[in-house]
Amino acid sequence: MLPHSLIYGSIVAGLLAACAVVSLDRSQLASIRGVFASKDDLASFQRLYLPGFLLAMLADWLQGPFVYALYQGYGIDREHNGYLFVAGFSASALFGTFVGSLADKGGRRKFAILYCVIYFGHCTTKHWNAFGMLLFGRVLGGISTSLLFSVFDSWLVSESQRQGFDEEQLGNTFSLAHFGSSIAAIGAGQFGEVVVNLAPLTEMGGGMSYGGYTAPFDLAIIILLLCMLHVTASWTENYGQSTAKAITSSDSVLWVIFRKKQILLCGLIACLFESSMFIFVFNWTPCLMEPNQPVPPFGHIFTGFMILCLLGTRLYSYFSSTIPVETIGLGIMIVSMFCHVAVFLFENVMIRFLAFLVFEMMVGLYFPMMGTLKGDIVPEDMRSTIYNIYRVPLNVIVMLPLLMNFSIATTFAVTTVSLISAVIYSFLLHNMLMEHTAVAAEDLPQAQELGKGCEEHSVNDREAVNFIQFP
């Protein structure tokens, strides 16, 4: 049995560690305070972006802990539950191939608003105890997920570059965004639990129900309306494919991905890590359950996971000032691989729980790292398109264990192999970027010398002109 002392101890230890990291790094304290108090351009920009992003994430987090319980309350068995989630990932894989391109052309701000509208529909369908309606809702959820994980990041990177912020400042914004997302996740679990207990799940007639596990979805609808109002009122529009040379066809985008190795490797790493993360999300609860033992307090465990994720975002801010982003990425992949190996090799719930905690910390490190890496590598004119193409193989990998009904051991064998591959690709990308940096450093003195020579030549020319004009 998983000791409660270990669960609550991990929560306290995670909070203390996060506080320690922040207190040791004065720049993090200044960054967090600056969002609320500073008047500089970066803080003003962050106050513009973060409320929209965090409201969008809060709406998504609100439904996460309760969707299984809602389906179970409607009497849907595990097999049909799997079909519903397969529908969502299939929709994300299918629509994601062109939704990103439409966002690049039509405007990322418009498609951020469209995310709110589609997710509003997804939440509304949860009031019907009808498999067809719930299936339609999962399709809407898949489309909105593609928008959430591409459009918001694309808008941030584009607007950040337009305003002249450098890579470190962009990474700082990503870190703050996912730090806030972790806090939103913790809050979502607590707020969701409160509204669930306000009224029991009650049938109104015509297959419709209210109360109980539908309540978090209703709360998410309110959050989505606030998000839509903020984005509409505060964000400016930006586009990807706005130049004459912009690439317009998916075939051309694929050609660019396979031709430029950095873009391809970045996509492979994102696909393999995030698919392992989603598979973990579906399987951590059965991993921690034991026959003839009480059900663990999953709500508190989820809180512990989110606190470790929060710690990871702070660690990224601490490390990124001194360690190259690609080196951080390689470390994340290696540690994550060992976490999944531990789950595959050991059935002891305490070992698995500790492995999951460390993996969640890696998730917290991963998202600001990958956001910064993609912001530097992926071309601006096709950013949303490529981000969504990255998600196509991701969704296929995630659907595989669901469709094949793999055991826990087989499932984590799949994620282990995925993360081993991610380590290899991270190593290749790390070496490629380090070589590129070394070559740039070698060329810099030559460029400076050339510039100096040109400057001297220009000075001599000006002196000659002055002599001719004023002998």
Foldseek 3Di string as FASTA:
>chain_A
DDDPCLLVVLQVVLVVLLVVLCVVDVVNVCLVVCLPDNDDPLSVVLVLQQLLLQLLLLLVLLLQVQVVVLLVVLVHDPLLVLVLLLLLLVLLLVCLLCVLLCCQVVWLLVLSLVLLVLLLLLLVLSQFSDSVSPSVSSSSNSNSVLSSQFSSLLLLLVVCVVVPHDLLSSLSSQLVNLLSSLVSNLVSLVVSVVQLPPDDWADPDPRGTDHHSSRSSVVSNVSSVVSSVSSVVRPDTHHQQDDPPFDRDSVVVVVVCVVDVLNVLLLLLCLLLVLLVVLCSVPVQVLQDDPPDDRDPVSSLSNSLSSLLSSLSSVLNSCVVPDPLLVLQLVLLVLLLVLLVQSLPDSDNNSNSVSSSVNSSSNSNPRSSSSSSLSVPPRSNSRSSSSSVSSNVSSVSNSVCSVVVDDSNVSSVSSSVSSVVSSVSSVVSVVVVVVVVVVCVVCVVVVVVVVVVVVVVVVVVVVVVCVVVPD
